[in-house]
Every structure is written in structure tokens, then in C-alpha cells.
Amino acid sequence: MAMHITPKGRPQISMDGVDGNVYAIIGHVAKCLERAGQRDEAKAFKDAAFKCQSYDEVLQLTMQYVEWV
């Protein structure tokens, strides 16, 4: 599966079919970052996501790492 990287260096990902559970979202985003060759970013994302205090905060964080399509 080809992954498009935006000019800002963020992978474009689809959330179609992903469970809305916060842990499923964190896992999906981290996996997409890893597939895009951004292993350090995936680890940083997961570390930051598990420190978030709300679901909304996690969603906002995802937008710093990936672009949803």
C-alpha cells in the first residue's frame, strides 16, 4: 500500500474502518507512521498520546503527526 506524505512530512491516512476507541486510534496512527518510515515519530506520538488527559486531546495530537483523508 502506497502512503502519500504531505509537503509538511506527515503521512495521509484514512480512519475508515478504524474503531473509534482511543486505543485503536493510537495504534492505527502509530502503525501508519511506522509504515511511512517514521519510527521515531511513531514512538513520540505514542508517548505523548498516553499522557493526554482526554479523547479530544488525543485527536488533536494525531493532527500534529498525520493528515486524515
Protein backbone atom coordinates (compact mmCIF):
# COMPACT_ATOMS: atom_id res chain seq x y z
CA MET A 1 0.00 0.00 0.00
CA ALA A 2 1.49 3.33 -1.06
CA MET A 3 1.41 6.07 1.51
CA HIS A 4 1.29 9.70 0.48
CA ILE A 5 3.47 12.05 2.51
CA THR A 6 2.35 15.69 2.59
CA PRO A 7 4.79 18.56 1.98
CA LYS A 8 4.88 19.02 5.78
CA GLY A 9 6.22 15.45 6.08
CA ARG A 10 3.02 13.99 7.54
CA PRO A 11 1.56 10.76 6.14
CA GLN A 12 -2.01 10.95 4.87
CA ILE A 13 -4.12 8.26 6.50
CA SER A 14 -7.70 7.11 6.38
CA MET A 15 -9.65 6.33 9.51
CA ASP A 16 -12.24 4.32 7.56
CA GLY A 17 -13.00 1.09 9.36
CA VAL A 18 -11.00 2.05 12.45
CA ASP A 19 -12.79 1.55 15.75
CA GLY A 20 -13.42 4.89 17.47
CA ASN A 21 -11.82 3.57 20.65
CA VAL A 22 -8.94 5.84 21.69
CA TYR A 23 -6.52 2.90 21.89
CA ALA A 24 -7.45 1.75 18.38
CA ILE A 25 -6.83 5.26 17.07
CA ILE A 26 -3.44 5.49 18.80
CA GLY A 27 -2.46 2.09 17.40
CA HIS A 28 -3.63 2.93 13.88
CA VAL A 29 -1.80 6.25 13.76
CA ALA A 30 1.40 4.74 15.20
CA LYS A 31 1.28 1.86 12.71
CA CYS A 32 0.79 4.27 9.79
CA LEU A 33 3.75 6.37 10.96
CA GLU A 34 5.90 3.24 11.17
CA ARG A 35 4.83 2.14 7.68
CA ALA A 36 5.83 5.58 6.41
CA GLY A 37 9.31 5.04 7.84
CA GLN A 38 8.78 7.46 10.71
CA ARG A 39 9.59 5.14 13.62
CA ASP A 40 10.88 7.92 15.88
CA GLU A 41 7.72 9.93 15.27
CA ALA A 42 5.58 6.86 15.99
CA LYS A 43 7.26 6.40 19.36
CA ALA A 44 6.99 10.12 20.18
CA PHE A 45 3.32 10.07 19.19
CA LYS A 46 2.53 7.06 21.38
CA ASP A 47 4.41 8.52 24.35
CA ALA A 48 2.54 11.83 24.02
CA ALA A 49 -0.83 10.17 23.36
CA PHE A 50 -0.71 8.12 26.55
CA LYS A 51 -0.07 11.31 28.52
CA CYS A 52 -3.17 13.01 27.09
CA GLN A 53 -5.98 13.73 29.52
CA SER A 54 -8.91 13.35 27.11
CA TYR A 55 -10.10 11.73 23.91
CA ASP A 56 -10.25 15.13 22.25
CA GLU A 57 -6.65 15.85 23.22
CA VAL A 58 -5.56 12.59 21.54
CA LEU A 59 -7.44 13.55 18.37
CA GLN A 60 -5.77 16.96 18.34
CA LEU A 61 -2.39 15.29 18.81
CA THR A 62 -2.97 12.99 15.83
CA MET A 63 -3.34 16.04 13.61
CA GLN A 64 0.22 17.08 14.51
CA TYR A 65 1.57 13.78 13.19
CA VAL A 66 -0.73 12.71 10.34
CA GLU A 67 -3.21 14.20 7.92
CA TRP A 68 -6.60 12.49 7.88
CA VAL A 69 -8.21 11.94 4.48
